[in-house]
Amino acid sequence: MTKIQAFPSLWLLSDARNDAMLEGTLLRLPRGSGFVYRHYHLGDHERWARFRELRRLCHARRHLLILADSSLTAREWGADGIYGAARALCPTSGDLITIATAHDLREIGEANRARADAVMLSPAFPTRTHPGAQSLGPLRFRLLAAQAQMPVIALGGMNQGTADRLRWPRWAAIDGLS
């Protein structure tokens, strides 16, 4: 990966549930962490305004700021990269960091073919985001992650305790960091 020197090991994802706590959480994260701005719950104008507020904080803390949107919007808004399904990342965004989402072997393959810079594999453990969904668990997570040709970020039910249990170098959370 040539776009960044060191890929963050800790990632925060935004959501309606953690919106009110984002500033404090971003300040507590180690410098150079990653932040995926989703905010699907806001309309276009409000989403852009909230992004600008958080972008200033991310730049001050040297966090990577990834936008769940198109590469065109990411460039317009000044994001470092994009996040989404691998098919939405194609063609490769060039200067932008691309993080694909994956839940199974097929989607890992799609991320490989898209040459994503990283993949978020979920749900590693049971999660509030998808109540009742079957989680991968440590063994299945590792088997799927071994098929990825890029860094894998564990997502879903992640917090420091589950990260320790999974023994994986990179993880992301919504509630688990807020």
N, C-alpha and C. Protein backbone atom coordinates (compact mmCIF):
# COMPACT_ATOMS: atom_id res chain seq x y z
N MET A 1 0.85 -1.17 0.00
CA MET A 1 0.00 0.00 0.00
C MET A 1 0.89 1.23 0.00
N THR A 2 0.73 2.10 -0.96
CA THR A 2 1.61 3.24 -1.10
C THR A 2 0.96 4.55 -0.70
N LYS A 3 -0.32 4.57 -0.44
CA LYS A 3 -1.02 5.83 -0.17
C LYS A 3 -0.72 6.38 1.22
N ILE A 4 -0.47 5.50 2.19
CA ILE A 4 -0.17 5.94 3.54
C ILE A 4 0.97 5.13 4.10
N GLN A 5 1.74 5.73 4.98
CA GLN A 5 2.90 5.04 5.56
C GLN A 5 2.48 3.93 6.52
N ALA A 6 1.67 4.27 7.51
CA ALA A 6 1.25 3.29 8.51
C ALA A 6 -0.27 3.25 8.56
N PHE A 7 -0.81 2.07 8.36
CA PHE A 7 -2.26 1.93 8.37
C PHE A 7 -2.75 1.86 9.82
N PRO A 8 -3.74 2.67 10.19
CA PRO A 8 -4.21 2.69 11.58
C PRO A 8 -4.69 1.32 12.07
N SER A 9 -4.46 1.07 13.35
CA SER A 9 -4.95 -0.17 13.93
C SER A 9 -6.29 0.03 14.63
N LEU A 10 -6.66 1.27 14.93
CA LEU A 10 -7.90 1.55 15.63
C LEU A 10 -8.77 2.48 14.79
N TRP A 11 -10.04 2.10 14.63
CA TRP A 11 -10.98 2.83 13.77
C TRP A 11 -12.29 3.08 14.50
N LEU A 12 -12.83 4.26 14.32
CA LEU A 12 -14.14 4.64 14.83
C LEU A 12 -15.07 4.84 13.64
N LEU A 13 -16.29 4.30 13.73
CA LEU A 13 -17.31 4.53 12.71
C LEU A 13 -18.40 5.40 13.30
N SER A 14 -18.90 6.34 12.52
CA SER A 14 -19.98 7.21 13.01
C SER A 14 -21.33 6.56 12.76
N ASP A 15 -22.27 6.95 13.59
CA ASP A 15 -23.62 6.40 13.56
C ASP A 15 -24.52 7.37 14.32
N ALA A 16 -25.80 7.29 14.13
CA ALA A 16 -26.73 8.14 14.89
C ALA A 16 -26.54 7.91 16.39
N ARG A 17 -26.21 6.67 16.79
CA ARG A 17 -26.07 6.35 18.21
C ARG A 17 -24.90 7.06 18.87
N ASN A 18 -23.82 7.30 18.14
CA ASN A 18 -22.65 7.89 18.79
C ASN A 18 -22.38 9.34 18.36
N ASP A 19 -23.29 9.94 17.60
CA ASP A 19 -23.07 11.28 17.07
C ASP A 19 -22.76 12.30 18.16
N ALA A 20 -23.51 12.29 19.24
CA ALA A 20 -23.33 13.30 20.30
C ALA A 20 -21.99 13.16 21.02
N MET A 21 -21.34 12.01 20.89
CA MET A 21 -20.10 11.76 21.61
C MET A 21 -18.86 11.80 20.70
N LEU A 22 -19.03 12.08 19.43
CA LEU A 22 -17.92 11.94 18.48
C LEU A 22 -16.73 12.83 18.79
N GLU A 23 -16.97 14.09 19.14
CA GLU A 23 -15.84 14.97 19.41
C GLU A 23 -14.97 14.42 20.54
N GLY A 24 -15.59 14.04 21.63
CA GLY A 24 -14.83 13.50 22.76
C GLY A 24 -14.12 12.20 22.42
N THR A 25 -14.80 11.35 21.67
CA THR A 25 -14.19 10.07 21.30
C THR A 25 -13.01 10.30 20.36
N LEU A 26 -13.15 11.17 19.38
CA LEU A 26 -12.05 11.46 18.46
C LEU A 26 -10.85 12.05 19.20
N LEU A 27 -11.10 12.85 20.22
CA LEU A 27 -10.00 13.41 21.01
C LEU A 27 -9.29 12.35 21.84
N ARG A 28 -10.03 11.33 22.29
CA ARG A 28 -9.43 10.26 23.11
C ARG A 28 -8.68 9.22 22.29
N LEU A 29 -9.03 9.08 21.01
CA LEU A 29 -8.35 8.09 20.18
C LEU A 29 -6.87 8.45 20.05
N PRO A 30 -6.00 7.45 19.95
CA PRO A 30 -4.59 7.75 19.70
C PRO A 30 -4.43 8.54 18.40
N ARG A 31 -3.49 9.46 18.37
CA ARG A 31 -3.21 10.21 17.14
C ARG A 31 -2.97 9.23 15.99
N GLY A 32 -3.50 9.61 14.83
CA GLY A 32 -3.30 8.76 13.66
C GLY A 32 -4.24 7.57 13.57
N SER A 33 -5.33 7.59 14.33
CA SER A 33 -6.34 6.54 14.21
C SER A 33 -7.15 6.80 12.95
N GLY A 34 -8.12 5.93 12.68
CA GLY A 34 -8.99 6.09 11.52
C GLY A 34 -10.41 6.41 11.95
N PHE A 35 -11.10 7.19 11.12
CA PHE A 35 -12.49 7.55 11.38
C PHE A 35 -13.28 7.41 10.08
N VAL A 36 -14.33 6.60 10.13
CA VAL A 36 -15.21 6.43 8.97
C VAL A 36 -16.49 7.21 9.26
N TYR A 37 -16.69 8.24 8.46
CA TYR A 37 -17.87 9.10 8.60
C TYR A 37 -18.99 8.54 7.73
N ARG A 38 -20.04 8.06 8.41
CA ARG A 38 -21.19 7.51 7.69
C ARG A 38 -22.37 8.48 7.79
N HIS A 39 -22.91 8.68 8.95
CA HIS A 39 -24.00 9.62 9.19
C HIS A 39 -25.13 9.52 8.16
N TYR A 40 -25.56 8.29 7.92
CA TYR A 40 -26.65 8.04 6.97
C TYR A 40 -27.97 8.64 7.46
N HIS A 41 -28.05 8.95 8.74
CA HIS A 41 -29.30 9.44 9.34
C HIS A 41 -29.56 10.92 9.05
N LEU A 42 -28.59 11.62 8.48
CA LEU A 42 -28.75 13.05 8.22
C LEU A 42 -29.06 13.33 6.75
N GLY A 43 -29.77 14.41 6.51
CA GLY A 43 -29.98 14.87 5.14
C GLY A 43 -28.68 15.42 4.57
N ASP A 44 -28.66 15.67 3.28
CA ASP A 44 -27.43 16.08 2.60
C ASP A 44 -26.78 17.32 3.23
N HIS A 45 -27.54 18.38 3.45
CA HIS A 45 -26.98 19.62 3.98
C HIS A 45 -26.43 19.41 5.40
N GLU A 46 -27.21 18.74 6.24
CA GLU A 46 -26.78 18.50 7.62
C GLU A 46 -25.58 17.55 7.66
N ARG A 47 -25.57 16.58 6.77
CA ARG A 47 -24.45 15.62 6.73
C ARG A 47 -23.16 16.35 6.36
N TRP A 48 -23.20 17.24 5.38
CA TRP A 48 -22.03 18.00 4.95
C TRP A 48 -21.55 18.93 6.07
N ALA A 49 -22.48 19.59 6.76
CA ALA A 49 -22.12 20.50 7.85
C ALA A 49 -21.44 19.74 8.99
N ARG A 50 -21.99 18.59 9.34
CA ARG A 50 -21.41 17.79 10.44
C ARG A 50 -20.04 17.26 10.03
N PHE A 51 -19.89 16.88 8.78
CA PHE A 51 -18.59 16.40 8.28
C PHE A 51 -17.53 17.49 8.45
N ARG A 52 -17.86 18.72 8.08
CA ARG A 52 -16.90 19.82 8.18
C ARG A 52 -16.45 20.03 9.63
N GLU A 53 -17.39 19.93 10.57
CA GLU A 53 -17.03 20.07 11.99
C GLU A 53 -16.03 19.00 12.41
N LEU A 54 -16.32 17.77 12.04
CA LEU A 54 -15.47 16.66 12.46
C LEU A 54 -14.17 16.60 11.68
N ARG A 55 -14.17 17.09 10.45
CA ARG A 55 -12.95 17.10 9.64
C ARG A 55 -11.86 17.93 10.31
N ARG A 56 -12.23 19.07 10.86
CA ARG A 56 -11.24 19.92 11.55
C ARG A 56 -10.59 19.17 12.69
N LEU A 57 -11.38 18.48 13.46
CA LEU A 57 -10.86 17.71 14.60
C LEU A 57 -9.98 16.56 14.14
N CYS A 58 -10.41 15.86 13.10
CA CYS A 58 -9.61 14.76 12.55
C CYS A 58 -8.26 15.25 12.06
N HIS A 59 -8.25 16.37 11.36
CA HIS A 59 -6.97 16.91 10.86
C HIS A 59 -6.06 17.29 12.02
N ALA A 60 -6.62 17.89 13.06
CA ALA A 60 -5.81 18.29 14.22
C ALA A 60 -5.18 17.08 14.92
N ARG A 61 -5.91 15.96 14.93
CA ARG A 61 -5.42 14.75 15.59
C ARG A 61 -4.70 13.80 14.62
N ARG A 62 -4.59 14.20 13.36
CA ARG A 62 -3.95 13.41 12.30
C ARG A 62 -4.64 12.05 12.10
N HIS A 63 -5.95 12.04 12.29
CA HIS A 63 -6.73 10.83 12.01
C HIS A 63 -7.01 10.76 10.51
N LEU A 64 -7.01 9.55 9.98
CA LEU A 64 -7.48 9.37 8.60
C LEU A 64 -8.98 9.54 8.60
N LEU A 65 -9.49 10.28 7.66
CA LEU A 65 -10.92 10.57 7.57
C LEU A 65 -11.46 9.94 6.29
N ILE A 66 -12.26 8.90 6.47
CA ILE A 66 -12.81 8.13 5.36
C ILE A 66 -14.31 8.41 5.28
N LEU A 67 -14.81 8.65 4.07
CA LEU A 67 -16.21 8.98 3.86
C LEU A 67 -16.96 7.81 3.24
N ALA A 68 -18.10 7.49 3.80
CA ALA A 68 -18.98 6.48 3.20
C ALA A 68 -19.81 7.18 2.13
N ASP A 69 -19.23 7.27 0.95
CA ASP A 69 -19.87 7.96 -0.17
C ASP A 69 -19.04 7.69 -1.41
N SER A 70 -19.29 8.43 -2.46
CA SER A 70 -18.57 8.25 -3.71
C SER A 70 -17.18 8.91 -3.65
N SER A 71 -16.32 8.50 -4.58
CA SER A 71 -15.00 9.12 -4.64
C SER A 71 -15.12 10.59 -5.03
N LEU A 72 -16.09 10.92 -5.85
CA LEU A 72 -16.30 12.32 -6.23
C LEU A 72 -16.62 13.16 -5.00
N THR A 73 -17.56 12.69 -4.18
CA THR A 73 -17.93 13.43 -2.97
C THR A 73 -16.76 13.48 -2.00
N ALA A 74 -16.02 12.39 -1.87
CA ALA A 74 -14.87 12.37 -0.96
C ALA A 74 -13.84 13.43 -1.35
N ARG A 75 -13.58 13.55 -2.63
CA ARG A 75 -12.64 14.57 -3.09
C ARG A 75 -13.19 15.98 -2.84
N GLU A 76 -14.47 16.18 -3.15
CA GLU A 76 -15.09 17.50 -2.94
C GLU A 76 -15.06 17.91 -1.47
N TRP A 77 -15.29 16.95 -0.58
CA TRP A 77 -15.38 17.23 0.84
C TRP A 77 -14.02 17.23 1.54
N GLY A 78 -12.99 16.75 0.87
CA GLY A 78 -11.66 16.72 1.48
C GLY A 78 -11.41 15.52 2.37
N ALA A 79 -12.03 14.39 2.05
CA ALA A 79 -11.79 13.15 2.80
C ALA A 79 -10.52 12.48 2.29
N ASP A 80 -9.96 11.60 3.12
CA ASP A 80 -8.76 10.86 2.73
C ASP A 80 -9.10 9.61 1.93
N GLY A 81 -10.35 9.18 1.99
CA GLY A 81 -10.72 7.97 1.28
C GLY A 81 -12.21 7.70 1.33
N ILE A 82 -12.57 6.53 0.79
CA ILE A 82 -13.98 6.12 0.73
C ILE A 82 -14.15 4.74 1.33
N TYR A 83 -15.39 4.47 1.75
CA TYR A 83 -15.78 3.24 2.44
C TYR A 83 -17.08 2.74 1.84
N GLY A 84 -17.14 1.44 1.57
CA GLY A 84 -18.39 0.87 1.08
C GLY A 84 -18.17 -0.50 0.48
N ALA A 85 -19.21 -1.02 -0.13
CA ALA A 85 -19.12 -2.32 -0.80
C ALA A 85 -18.05 -2.22 -1.89
N ALA A 86 -17.32 -3.31 -2.11
CA ALA A 86 -16.22 -3.31 -3.07
C ALA A 86 -16.67 -2.85 -4.46
N ARG A 87 -17.86 -3.26 -4.88
CA ARG A 87 -18.32 -2.89 -6.23
C ARG A 87 -18.52 -1.38 -6.34
N ALA A 88 -18.75 -0.69 -5.23
CA ALA A 88 -18.90 0.77 -5.25
C ALA A 88 -17.56 1.48 -5.30
N LEU A 89 -16.48 0.75 -5.02
CA LEU A 89 -15.15 1.34 -5.01
C LEU A 89 -14.50 1.32 -6.38
N CYS A 90 -15.05 0.55 -7.30
CA CYS A 90 -14.47 0.40 -8.64
C CYS A 90 -14.98 1.51 -9.55
N PRO A 91 -14.18 2.05 -10.45
CA PRO A 91 -12.77 1.74 -10.57
C PRO A 91 -11.99 2.33 -9.40
N THR A 92 -10.78 1.82 -9.20
CA THR A 92 -9.96 2.25 -8.08
C THR A 92 -9.88 3.77 -8.06
N SER A 93 -9.93 4.32 -6.88
CA SER A 93 -10.05 5.77 -6.72
C SER A 93 -8.72 6.51 -6.81
N GLY A 94 -7.63 5.84 -7.13
CA GLY A 94 -6.35 6.51 -7.31
C GLY A 94 -5.76 7.04 -6.04
N ASP A 95 -5.91 8.33 -5.79
CA ASP A 95 -5.29 8.97 -4.64
C ASP A 95 -6.05 8.73 -3.34
N LEU A 96 -7.27 8.23 -3.40
CA LEU A 96 -8.06 8.01 -2.20
C LEU A 96 -7.82 6.62 -1.63
N ILE A 97 -7.83 6.51 -0.31
CA ILE A 97 -7.77 5.23 0.37
C ILE A 97 -9.14 4.57 0.20
N THR A 98 -9.15 3.30 -0.13
CA THR A 98 -10.42 2.58 -0.32
C THR A 98 -10.53 1.48 0.72
N ILE A 99 -11.64 1.50 1.45
CA ILE A 99 -11.93 0.47 2.45
C ILE A 99 -13.23 -0.20 2.07
N ALA A 100 -13.13 -1.48 1.74
CA ALA A 100 -14.30 -2.27 1.35
C ALA A 100 -14.93 -2.92 2.57
N THR A 101 -16.22 -3.14 2.50
CA THR A 101 -16.92 -3.90 3.53
C THR A 101 -17.06 -5.34 3.05
N ALA A 102 -16.98 -6.28 3.99
CA ALA A 102 -17.15 -7.68 3.64
C ALA A 102 -17.78 -8.44 4.81
N HIS A 103 -18.59 -9.42 4.45
CA HIS A 103 -19.27 -10.25 5.45
C HIS A 103 -19.07 -11.74 5.17
N ASP A 104 -18.51 -12.07 4.01
CA ASP A 104 -18.35 -13.47 3.63
C ASP A 104 -17.22 -13.60 2.61
N LEU A 105 -16.96 -14.83 2.18
CA LEU A 105 -15.87 -15.11 1.26
C LEU A 105 -16.06 -14.42 -0.09
N ARG A 106 -17.29 -14.39 -0.58
CA ARG A 106 -17.56 -13.73 -1.87
C ARG A 106 -17.17 -12.26 -1.80
N GLU A 107 -17.53 -11.58 -0.73
CA GLU A 107 -17.23 -10.15 -0.61
C GLU A 107 -15.74 -9.90 -0.37
N ILE A 108 -15.05 -10.84 0.28
CA ILE A 108 -13.59 -10.74 0.40
C ILE A 108 -12.98 -10.81 -1.01
N GLY A 109 -13.48 -11.74 -1.82
CA GLY A 109 -13.01 -11.86 -3.21
C GLY A 109 -13.25 -10.58 -3.99
N GLU A 110 -14.41 -9.95 -3.80
CA GLU A 110 -14.71 -8.70 -4.48
C GLU A 110 -13.74 -7.59 -4.05
N ALA A 111 -13.42 -7.56 -2.76
CA ALA A 111 -12.46 -6.57 -2.25
C ALA A 111 -11.08 -6.80 -2.86
N ASN A 112 -10.68 -8.09 -2.98
CA ASN A 112 -9.40 -8.42 -3.62
C ASN A 112 -9.38 -7.95 -5.08
N ARG A 113 -10.45 -8.25 -5.81
CA ARG A 113 -10.51 -7.85 -7.22
C ARG A 113 -10.54 -6.33 -7.40
N ALA A 114 -11.15 -5.64 -6.45
CA ALA A 114 -11.22 -4.18 -6.52
C ALA A 114 -9.89 -3.54 -6.08
N ARG A 115 -9.00 -4.38 -5.56
CA ARG A 115 -7.71 -3.89 -5.05
C ARG A 115 -7.90 -2.82 -3.99
N ALA A 116 -8.86 -3.08 -3.09
CA ALA A 116 -9.10 -2.16 -1.97
C ALA A 116 -7.83 -2.08 -1.12
N ASP A 117 -7.67 -0.95 -0.46
CA ASP A 117 -6.50 -0.78 0.41
C ASP A 117 -6.67 -1.52 1.73
N ALA A 118 -7.92 -1.75 2.12
CA ALA A 118 -8.24 -2.49 3.34
C ALA A 118 -9.66 -3.00 3.22
N VAL A 119 -10.01 -3.93 4.10
CA VAL A 119 -11.37 -4.45 4.14
C VAL A 119 -11.82 -4.52 5.60
N MET A 120 -13.06 -4.09 5.86
CA MET A 120 -13.67 -4.25 7.18
C MET A 120 -14.53 -5.48 7.13
N LEU A 121 -14.14 -6.47 7.89
CA LEU A 121 -14.83 -7.76 7.92
C LEU A 121 -15.72 -7.82 9.16
N SER A 122 -17.01 -8.08 8.92
CA SER A 122 -17.97 -8.09 10.03
C SER A 122 -19.12 -9.05 9.77
N PRO A 123 -19.90 -9.34 10.83
CA PRO A 123 -19.67 -8.97 12.22
C PRO A 123 -18.80 -10.02 12.92
N ALA A 124 -17.72 -9.56 13.49
CA ALA A 124 -16.83 -10.48 14.20
C ALA A 124 -17.55 -11.10 15.40
N PHE A 125 -18.33 -10.29 16.11
CA PHE A 125 -19.09 -10.74 17.28
C PHE A 125 -20.50 -10.17 17.18
N PRO A 126 -21.43 -10.63 18.02
CA PRO A 126 -22.77 -10.05 18.01
C PRO A 126 -22.71 -8.53 18.19
N THR A 127 -23.60 -7.84 17.49
CA THR A 127 -23.54 -6.38 17.47
C THR A 127 -24.93 -5.76 17.55
N ARG A 128 -25.01 -4.58 18.15
CA ARG A 128 -26.27 -3.84 18.21
C ARG A 128 -26.69 -3.34 16.85
N THR A 129 -25.74 -3.16 15.94
CA THR A 129 -26.06 -2.64 14.62
C THR A 129 -26.93 -3.62 13.84
N HIS A 130 -26.66 -4.90 14.00
CA HIS A 130 -27.43 -5.94 13.31
C HIS A 130 -27.88 -6.98 14.34
N PRO A 131 -28.88 -6.65 15.17
CA PRO A 131 -29.31 -7.57 16.22
C PRO A 131 -29.81 -8.89 15.62
N GLY A 132 -29.36 -9.97 16.20
CA GLY A 132 -29.79 -11.29 15.76
C GLY A 132 -29.02 -11.86 14.59
N ALA A 133 -28.18 -11.04 13.95
CA ALA A 133 -27.39 -11.54 12.81
C ALA A 133 -26.33 -12.51 13.32
N GLN A 134 -26.05 -13.51 12.52
CA GLN A 134 -25.03 -14.48 12.90
C GLN A 134 -23.66 -13.81 12.82
N SER A 135 -22.89 -13.93 13.89
CA SER A 135 -21.55 -13.36 13.89
C SER A 135 -20.54 -14.41 13.43
N LEU A 136 -19.39 -13.94 13.01
CA LEU A 136 -18.35 -14.83 12.48
C LEU A 136 -17.66 -15.62 13.59
N GLY A 137 -17.38 -14.98 14.71
CA GLY A 137 -16.60 -15.62 15.77
C GLY A 137 -15.13 -15.64 15.38
N PRO A 138 -14.25 -15.86 16.35
CA PRO A 138 -12.81 -15.78 16.09
C PRO A 138 -12.30 -16.73 15.00
N LEU A 139 -12.71 -17.98 15.01
CA LEU A 139 -12.18 -18.95 14.04
C LEU A 139 -12.60 -18.60 12.61
N ARG A 140 -13.89 -18.40 12.40
CA ARG A 140 -14.37 -18.08 11.04
C ARG A 140 -13.81 -16.73 10.58
N PHE A 141 -13.72 -15.77 11.51
CA PHE A 141 -13.14 -14.47 11.16
C PHE A 141 -11.73 -14.66 10.61
N ARG A 142 -10.90 -15.42 11.32
CA ARG A 142 -9.51 -15.63 10.89
C ARG A 142 -9.42 -16.38 9.56
N LEU A 143 -10.30 -17.36 9.36
CA LEU A 143 -10.29 -18.09 8.09
C LEU A 143 -10.63 -17.17 6.92
N LEU A 144 -11.62 -16.31 7.10
CA LEU A 144 -11.98 -15.37 6.04
C LEU A 144 -10.89 -14.31 5.85
N ALA A 145 -10.37 -13.80 6.94
CA ALA A 145 -9.35 -12.76 6.86
C ALA A 145 -8.10 -13.25 6.13
N ALA A 146 -7.81 -14.54 6.26
CA ALA A 146 -6.63 -15.10 5.59
C ALA A 146 -6.75 -15.05 4.08
N GLN A 147 -7.96 -14.88 3.56
CA GLN A 147 -8.18 -14.83 2.11
C GLN A 147 -8.01 -13.42 1.54
N ALA A 148 -7.94 -12.43 2.40
CA ALA A 148 -7.82 -11.04 1.95
C ALA A 148 -6.39 -10.72 1.55
N GLN A 149 -6.25 -9.95 0.52
CA GLN A 149 -4.93 -9.55 0.01
C GLN A 149 -4.55 -8.14 0.47
N MET A 150 -5.17 -7.68 1.56
CA MET A 150 -4.95 -6.35 2.09
C MET A 150 -5.20 -6.40 3.59
N PRO A 151 -4.88 -5.32 4.32
CA PRO A 151 -5.16 -5.31 5.75
C PRO A 151 -6.65 -5.54 6.03
N VAL A 152 -6.94 -6.30 7.07
CA VAL A 152 -8.31 -6.60 7.48
C VAL A 152 -8.56 -5.92 8.82
N ILE A 153 -9.69 -5.22 8.89
CA ILE A 153 -10.12 -4.53 10.10
C ILE A 153 -11.34 -5.26 10.63
N ALA A 154 -11.27 -5.73 11.87
CA ALA A 154 -12.40 -6.43 12.49
C ALA A 154 -13.46 -5.41 12.91
N LEU A 155 -14.71 -5.72 12.61
CA LEU A 155 -15.84 -4.85 12.96
C LEU A 155 -16.98 -5.71 13.44
N GLY A 156 -17.77 -5.17 14.33
CA GLY A 156 -18.96 -5.88 14.81
C GLY A 156 -18.76 -6.41 16.21
N GLY A 157 -19.38 -5.74 17.18
CA GLY A 157 -19.26 -6.16 18.57
C GLY A 157 -17.88 -5.93 19.15
N MET A 158 -17.11 -5.05 18.51
CA MET A 158 -15.73 -4.85 18.94
C MET A 158 -15.63 -3.80 20.04
N ASN A 159 -14.82 -4.13 21.03
CA ASN A 159 -14.39 -3.22 22.08
C ASN A 159 -13.04 -3.76 22.55
N GLN A 160 -12.44 -3.17 23.54
CA GLN A 160 -11.10 -3.64 23.92
C GLN A 160 -11.12 -5.11 24.35
N GLY A 161 -12.18 -5.54 25.04
CA GLY A 161 -12.27 -6.93 25.48
C GLY A 161 -12.39 -7.91 24.33
N THR A 162 -13.26 -7.62 23.36
CA THR A 162 -13.40 -8.54 22.22
C THR A 162 -12.18 -8.46 21.31
N ALA A 163 -11.54 -7.29 21.24
CA ALA A 163 -10.31 -7.17 20.46
C ALA A 163 -9.21 -8.05 21.05
N ASP A 164 -9.12 -8.06 22.38
CA ASP A 164 -8.15 -8.93 23.05
C ASP A 164 -8.47 -10.40 22.78
N ARG A 165 -9.75 -10.73 22.82
CA ARG A 165 -10.18 -12.12 22.56
C ARG A 165 -9.88 -12.54 21.13
N LEU A 166 -10.09 -11.65 20.18
CA LEU A 166 -9.87 -11.95 18.78
C LEU A 166 -8.37 -12.00 18.44
N ARG A 167 -7.58 -11.25 19.19
CA ARG A 167 -6.13 -11.16 18.94
C ARG A 167 -5.85 -10.78 17.49
N TRP A 168 -6.46 -9.67 17.10
CA TRP A 168 -6.30 -9.18 15.74
C TRP A 168 -5.73 -7.76 15.80
N PRO A 169 -4.79 -7.41 14.91
CA PRO A 169 -4.09 -6.12 15.06
C PRO A 169 -4.91 -4.87 14.73
N ARG A 170 -5.99 -5.03 13.96
CA ARG A 170 -6.78 -3.86 13.57
C ARG A 170 -8.26 -4.10 13.87
N TRP A 171 -8.88 -3.12 14.49
CA TRP A 171 -10.30 -3.26 14.77
C TRP A 171 -10.99 -1.91 14.76
N ALA A 172 -12.32 -1.97 14.57
CA ALA A 172 -13.16 -0.79 14.47
C ALA A 172 -14.40 -0.98 15.32
N ALA A 173 -14.98 0.13 15.76
CA ALA A 173 -16.19 0.05 16.57
C ALA A 173 -17.03 1.30 16.41
N ILE A 174 -18.29 1.16 16.78
CA ILE A 174 -19.20 2.28 16.90
C ILE A 174 -19.39 2.53 18.39
N ASP A 175 -20.13 1.62 19.05
CA ASP A 175 -20.38 1.74 20.48
C ASP A 175 -19.15 1.43 21.31
N GLY A 176 -18.33 0.50 20.86
CA GLY A 176 -17.20 0.02 21.64
C GLY A 176 -16.11 1.04 21.89
N LEU A 177 -16.15 2.17 21.21
CA LEU A 177 -15.19 3.23 21.44
C LEU A 177 -15.86 4.51 21.94
N SER A 178 -17.18 4.52 21.93
CA SER A 178 -17.90 5.74 22.31
C SER A 178 -18.21 5.69 23.74
